[in-house]
Amino acid sequence: QVQLVESGGGLVQPGGSLRLSCTASGFSFGSYLMSWYRQAPGEERELVGRISSSGGWSNYGDSVNGRFTISRDNAKHIVYLQMNSLKPEDTAVYYCNTLYSPTYWGRGTQVTVSS
């Protein structure tokens, strides 16, 4: 049974950094592309970025490109989202997602960027 548990969110000032983690279980983690999404209040869920199964490539949405970096540790079954130069508009609930089961969503982790 697929399980994705996001963690690492919190309150941070504009310009600050956070690293989110997503711990996966229930499938062959290292065989699947992983993605990060976010959803702000009143908005649709938005793709933040994704990383290949090996970690050899990643790509990002225009709004975060150059500020966010996705990485993964296949031995630990964890995918990370390093967020730098955070802006108030980055405030959202952040979710990870696996191509193994794209309709499954965990609880997410709240990120609030505010002074």
N, C-alpha and C. Protein backbone atom coordinates (compact mmCIF):
# COMPACT_ATOMS: atom_id res chain seq x y z
N GLN A 1 0.85 -1.18 0.00
CA GLN A 1 0.00 0.00 0.00
C GLN A 1 0.89 1.25 0.00
N VAL A 2 0.64 2.12 -0.95
CA VAL A 2 1.46 3.33 -1.08
C VAL A 2 1.23 4.24 0.12
N GLN A 3 2.30 4.80 0.62
CA GLN A 3 2.21 5.83 1.65
C GLN A 3 3.28 6.88 1.39
N LEU A 4 2.89 8.13 1.44
CA LEU A 4 3.79 9.27 1.29
C LEU A 4 3.57 10.19 2.47
N VAL A 5 4.63 10.49 3.20
CA VAL A 5 4.53 11.34 4.38
C VAL A 5 5.46 12.53 4.21
N GLU A 6 4.86 13.71 4.08
CA GLU A 6 5.62 14.94 3.92
C GLU A 6 5.91 15.56 5.28
N SER A 7 7.07 16.20 5.39
CA SER A 7 7.45 16.86 6.64
C SER A 7 8.41 18.00 6.34
N GLY A 8 8.64 18.83 7.36
CA GLY A 8 9.63 19.89 7.24
C GLY A 8 9.07 21.27 7.02
N GLY A 9 7.77 21.38 6.89
CA GLY A 9 7.17 22.69 6.69
C GLY A 9 7.23 23.54 7.95
N GLY A 10 6.80 24.79 7.81
CA GLY A 10 6.80 25.70 8.94
C GLY A 10 6.66 27.13 8.50
N LEU A 11 6.91 28.02 9.44
CA LEU A 11 6.84 29.46 9.19
C LEU A 11 8.26 29.99 8.96
N VAL A 12 8.44 30.71 7.89
CA VAL A 12 9.76 31.25 7.56
C VAL A 12 9.60 32.66 7.02
N GLN A 13 10.58 33.50 7.26
CA GLN A 13 10.54 34.88 6.76
C GLN A 13 10.88 34.93 5.28
N PRO A 14 10.40 35.93 4.58
CA PRO A 14 10.79 36.10 3.18
C PRO A 14 12.31 36.13 3.03
N GLY A 15 12.79 35.44 2.00
CA GLY A 15 14.22 35.33 1.79
C GLY A 15 14.85 34.13 2.48
N GLY A 16 14.09 33.47 3.32
CA GLY A 16 14.61 32.33 4.06
C GLY A 16 14.58 31.04 3.27
N SER A 17 14.96 29.96 3.96
CA SER A 17 15.05 28.65 3.32
C SER A 17 14.35 27.59 4.18
N LEU A 18 13.89 26.55 3.51
CA LEU A 18 13.35 25.37 4.18
C LEU A 18 13.70 24.15 3.33
N ARG A 19 13.82 23.00 3.99
CA ARG A 19 13.95 21.75 3.25
C ARG A 19 12.83 20.82 3.66
N LEU A 20 12.04 20.44 2.69
CA LEU A 20 10.96 19.50 2.91
C LEU A 20 11.44 18.09 2.58
N SER A 21 10.84 17.13 3.27
CA SER A 21 11.13 15.71 3.03
C SER A 21 9.83 14.97 2.75
N CYS A 22 9.94 13.95 1.96
CA CYS A 22 8.81 13.06 1.69
C CYS A 22 9.32 11.63 1.81
N THR A 23 8.82 10.92 2.79
CA THR A 23 9.22 9.54 3.01
C THR A 23 8.19 8.61 2.39
N ALA A 24 8.65 7.72 1.53
CA ALA A 24 7.76 6.86 0.77
C ALA A 24 7.86 5.40 1.21
N SER A 25 6.77 4.69 1.08
CA SER A 25 6.76 3.26 1.35
C SER A 25 5.65 2.61 0.53
N GLY A 26 5.75 1.29 0.41
CA GLY A 26 4.69 0.53 -0.26
C GLY A 26 4.87 0.32 -1.74
N PHE A 27 5.99 0.77 -2.30
CA PHE A 27 6.26 0.54 -3.71
C PHE A 27 7.77 0.61 -3.93
N SER A 28 8.19 0.26 -5.12
CA SER A 28 9.62 0.25 -5.44
C SER A 28 10.06 1.68 -5.74
N PHE A 29 10.41 2.40 -4.69
CA PHE A 29 10.65 3.84 -4.77
C PHE A 29 11.63 4.22 -5.86
N GLY A 30 12.73 3.52 -5.93
CA GLY A 30 13.80 3.88 -6.86
C GLY A 30 13.47 3.67 -8.33
N SER A 31 12.30 3.12 -8.60
CA SER A 31 11.90 2.85 -9.99
C SER A 31 10.99 3.92 -10.57
N TYR A 32 10.62 4.91 -9.78
CA TYR A 32 9.58 5.83 -10.23
C TYR A 32 9.96 7.30 -10.08
N LEU A 33 9.52 8.06 -11.07
CA LEU A 33 9.61 9.51 -11.00
C LEU A 33 8.82 10.01 -9.80
N MET A 34 9.35 11.02 -9.15
CA MET A 34 8.68 11.65 -8.02
C MET A 34 8.49 13.13 -8.31
N SER A 35 7.40 13.66 -7.79
CA SER A 35 7.08 15.07 -8.03
C SER A 35 6.72 15.76 -6.72
N TRP A 36 6.88 17.08 -6.72
CA TRP A 36 6.36 17.93 -5.65
C TRP A 36 5.30 18.85 -6.26
N TYR A 37 4.20 18.98 -5.53
CA TYR A 37 3.13 19.89 -5.90
C TYR A 37 2.87 20.81 -4.72
N ARG A 38 2.14 21.88 -4.97
CA ARG A 38 1.70 22.74 -3.87
C ARG A 38 0.31 23.27 -4.19
N GLN A 39 -0.39 23.60 -3.11
CA GLN A 39 -1.73 24.16 -3.27
C GLN A 39 -1.93 25.28 -2.26
N ALA A 40 -2.13 26.47 -2.77
CA ALA A 40 -2.41 27.64 -1.94
C ALA A 40 -3.92 27.74 -1.72
N PRO A 41 -4.33 28.43 -0.67
CA PRO A 41 -5.77 28.57 -0.39
C PRO A 41 -6.51 29.16 -1.59
N GLY A 42 -7.59 28.51 -1.99
CA GLY A 42 -8.40 29.00 -3.08
C GLY A 42 -7.82 28.78 -4.46
N GLU A 43 -6.68 28.09 -4.52
CA GLU A 43 -6.02 27.87 -5.80
C GLU A 43 -6.02 26.37 -6.15
N GLU A 44 -5.79 26.08 -7.41
CA GLU A 44 -5.63 24.68 -7.81
C GLU A 44 -4.22 24.19 -7.46
N ARG A 45 -4.12 22.88 -7.37
CA ARG A 45 -2.81 22.29 -7.10
C ARG A 45 -1.87 22.56 -8.28
N GLU A 46 -0.63 22.91 -7.96
CA GLU A 46 0.34 23.33 -8.97
C GLU A 46 1.58 22.45 -8.90
N LEU A 47 2.09 22.05 -10.05
CA LEU A 47 3.32 21.27 -10.09
C LEU A 47 4.50 22.18 -9.76
N VAL A 48 5.28 21.79 -8.75
CA VAL A 48 6.49 22.53 -8.38
C VAL A 48 7.67 22.02 -9.19
N GLY A 49 7.82 20.72 -9.25
CA GLY A 49 8.91 20.12 -9.99
C GLY A 49 8.90 18.61 -9.85
N ARG A 50 9.79 17.96 -10.56
CA ARG A 50 9.85 16.51 -10.52
C ARG A 50 11.27 16.04 -10.75
N ILE A 51 11.51 14.81 -10.36
CA ILE A 51 12.85 14.25 -10.47
C ILE A 51 12.74 12.83 -11.00
N SER A 52 13.67 12.46 -11.85
CA SER A 52 13.64 11.13 -12.44
C SER A 52 13.91 10.06 -11.39
N SER A 53 13.68 8.82 -11.77
CA SER A 53 13.83 7.71 -10.82
C SER A 53 15.26 7.61 -10.29
N SER A 54 16.24 7.89 -11.13
CA SER A 54 17.63 7.80 -10.70
C SER A 54 18.13 9.09 -10.05
N GLY A 55 17.37 10.16 -10.22
CA GLY A 55 17.84 11.46 -9.75
C GLY A 55 18.72 12.17 -10.76
N GLY A 56 18.83 11.62 -11.96
CA GLY A 56 19.73 12.17 -12.95
C GLY A 56 19.25 13.45 -13.61
N TRP A 57 17.96 13.68 -13.60
CA TRP A 57 17.43 14.95 -14.10
C TRP A 57 16.26 15.39 -13.27
N SER A 58 16.02 16.68 -13.31
CA SER A 58 14.87 17.27 -12.65
C SER A 58 14.42 18.49 -13.45
N ASN A 59 13.18 18.85 -13.32
CA ASN A 59 12.72 20.10 -13.91
C ASN A 59 11.70 20.76 -13.00
N TYR A 60 11.46 22.05 -13.24
CA TYR A 60 10.74 22.88 -12.29
C TYR A 60 9.77 23.82 -12.98
N GLY A 61 8.75 24.21 -12.22
CA GLY A 61 7.85 25.23 -12.72
C GLY A 61 8.55 26.59 -12.80
N ASP A 62 8.03 27.44 -13.66
CA ASP A 62 8.67 28.74 -13.87
C ASP A 62 8.74 29.56 -12.59
N SER A 63 7.74 29.42 -11.72
CA SER A 63 7.68 30.27 -10.53
C SER A 63 8.74 29.92 -9.49
N VAL A 64 9.33 28.74 -9.58
CA VAL A 64 10.31 28.31 -8.58
C VAL A 64 11.68 28.01 -9.20
N ASN A 65 11.77 27.99 -10.50
CA ASN A 65 13.02 27.63 -11.18
C ASN A 65 14.15 28.56 -10.73
N GLY A 66 15.26 27.95 -10.32
CA GLY A 66 16.40 28.71 -9.85
C GLY A 66 16.41 28.94 -8.35
N ARG A 67 15.28 28.68 -7.70
CA ARG A 67 15.20 28.86 -6.24
C ARG A 67 15.01 27.53 -5.51
N PHE A 68 14.34 26.59 -6.14
CA PHE A 68 14.03 25.30 -5.51
C PHE A 68 14.85 24.20 -6.19
N THR A 69 15.20 23.19 -5.40
CA THR A 69 15.94 22.04 -5.92
C THR A 69 15.37 20.76 -5.34
N ILE A 70 15.10 19.80 -6.21
CA ILE A 70 14.61 18.49 -5.77
C ILE A 70 15.76 17.49 -5.83
N SER A 71 15.86 16.67 -4.81
CA SER A 71 16.84 15.59 -4.79
C SER A 71 16.17 14.36 -4.17
N ARG A 72 16.86 13.24 -4.25
CA ARG A 72 16.28 12.02 -3.69
C ARG A 72 17.37 11.11 -3.17
N ASP A 73 17.02 10.31 -2.19
CA ASP A 73 17.90 9.29 -1.64
C ASP A 73 17.17 7.96 -1.80
N ASN A 74 17.51 7.21 -2.82
CA ASN A 74 16.76 5.98 -3.10
C ASN A 74 17.00 4.91 -2.03
N ALA A 75 18.13 4.96 -1.36
CA ALA A 75 18.39 3.98 -0.30
C ALA A 75 17.47 4.22 0.90
N LYS A 76 17.14 5.49 1.14
CA LYS A 76 16.29 5.83 2.29
C LYS A 76 14.83 6.02 1.90
N HIS A 77 14.54 5.96 0.61
CA HIS A 77 13.17 6.16 0.12
C HIS A 77 12.65 7.57 0.49
N ILE A 78 13.47 8.56 0.29
CA ILE A 78 13.11 9.93 0.62
C ILE A 78 13.37 10.83 -0.59
N VAL A 79 12.43 11.74 -0.84
CA VAL A 79 12.64 12.79 -1.82
C VAL A 79 12.58 14.13 -1.08
N TYR A 80 13.49 15.03 -1.46
CA TYR A 80 13.63 16.31 -0.77
C TYR A 80 13.24 17.46 -1.69
N LEU A 81 12.82 18.54 -1.07
CA LEU A 81 12.60 19.80 -1.78
C LEU A 81 13.31 20.90 -1.00
N GLN A 82 14.42 21.36 -1.54
CA GLN A 82 15.16 22.46 -0.93
C GLN A 82 14.62 23.76 -1.51
N MET A 83 14.14 24.63 -0.64
CA MET A 83 13.52 25.88 -1.06
C MET A 83 14.33 27.05 -0.52
N ASN A 84 14.86 27.85 -1.41
CA ASN A 84 15.65 29.02 -1.04
C ASN A 84 14.96 30.28 -1.54
N SER A 85 15.39 31.42 -1.00
CA SER A 85 14.84 32.72 -1.41
C SER A 85 13.32 32.70 -1.42
N LEU A 86 12.76 32.23 -0.34
CA LEU A 86 11.31 32.06 -0.28
C LEU A 86 10.57 33.39 -0.32
N LYS A 87 9.42 33.37 -0.96
CA LYS A 87 8.58 34.54 -1.13
C LYS A 87 7.21 34.28 -0.50
N PRO A 88 6.49 35.33 -0.14
CA PRO A 88 5.14 35.11 0.42
C PRO A 88 4.24 34.29 -0.51
N GLU A 89 4.43 34.43 -1.80
CA GLU A 89 3.60 33.67 -2.74
C GLU A 89 3.95 32.18 -2.79
N ASP A 90 4.99 31.77 -2.09
CA ASP A 90 5.30 30.34 -1.97
C ASP A 90 4.47 29.68 -0.86
N THR A 91 3.72 30.47 -0.12
CA THR A 91 2.87 29.93 0.94
C THR A 91 1.85 28.97 0.37
N ALA A 92 1.84 27.75 0.88
CA ALA A 92 0.96 26.70 0.36
C ALA A 92 1.15 25.44 1.18
N VAL A 93 0.29 24.47 0.94
CA VAL A 93 0.52 23.11 1.42
C VAL A 93 1.28 22.38 0.31
N TYR A 94 2.37 21.74 0.69
CA TYR A 94 3.24 21.06 -0.27
C TYR A 94 3.04 19.55 -0.15
N TYR A 95 2.93 18.91 -1.31
CA TYR A 95 2.68 17.47 -1.40
C TYR A 95 3.71 16.82 -2.32
N CYS A 96 4.09 15.60 -2.01
CA CYS A 96 4.83 14.82 -2.98
C CYS A 96 3.89 13.82 -3.65
N ASN A 97 4.34 13.30 -4.77
CA ASN A 97 3.50 12.41 -5.57
C ASN A 97 4.38 11.45 -6.33
N THR A 98 3.91 10.24 -6.51
CA THR A 98 4.67 9.24 -7.24
C THR A 98 3.94 8.81 -8.50
N LEU A 99 4.71 8.61 -9.56
CA LEU A 99 4.13 8.13 -10.81
C LEU A 99 3.57 6.71 -10.65
N TYR A 100 4.02 6.00 -9.61
CA TYR A 100 3.49 4.66 -9.35
C TYR A 100 2.00 4.70 -9.08
N SER A 101 1.58 5.75 -8.35
CA SER A 101 0.16 5.88 -7.98
C SER A 101 -0.21 7.36 -7.99
N PRO A 102 -0.38 7.93 -9.17
CA PRO A 102 -0.53 9.38 -9.27
C PRO A 102 -1.80 9.95 -8.64
N THR A 103 -2.78 9.11 -8.33
CA THR A 103 -4.00 9.63 -7.69
C THR A 103 -3.91 9.62 -6.17
N TYR A 104 -2.83 9.09 -5.62
CA TYR A 104 -2.66 9.05 -4.17
C TYR A 104 -2.02 10.35 -3.70
N TRP A 105 -2.58 10.93 -2.65
CA TRP A 105 -2.02 12.14 -2.04
C TRP A 105 -1.94 11.96 -0.54
N GLY A 106 -0.79 12.34 0.02
CA GLY A 106 -0.64 12.33 1.45
C GLY A 106 -1.28 13.56 2.07
N ARG A 107 -0.94 13.83 3.34
CA ARG A 107 -1.52 14.97 4.05
C ARG A 107 -0.87 16.29 3.67
N GLY A 108 0.34 16.23 3.17
CA GLY A 108 1.06 17.45 2.84
C GLY A 108 1.69 18.10 4.06
N THR A 109 2.46 19.15 3.82
CA THR A 109 3.08 19.92 4.90
C THR A 109 2.92 21.40 4.58
N GLN A 110 2.52 22.16 5.58
CA GLN A 110 2.22 23.58 5.39
C GLN A 110 3.51 24.40 5.40
N VAL A 111 3.65 25.25 4.41
CA VAL A 111 4.74 26.23 4.37
C VAL A 111 4.11 27.61 4.35
N THR A 112 4.52 28.43 5.31
CA THR A 112 4.03 29.81 5.38
C THR A 112 5.22 30.75 5.35
N VAL A 113 5.21 31.65 4.38
CA VAL A 113 6.29 32.63 4.23
C VAL A 113 5.71 33.99 4.58
N SER A 114 6.16 34.52 5.70
CA SER A 114 5.59 35.77 6.19
C SER A 114 6.55 36.42 7.18
N SER A 115 6.54 37.74 7.19
CA SER A 115 7.35 38.47 8.16
C SER A 115 6.51 38.78 9.42
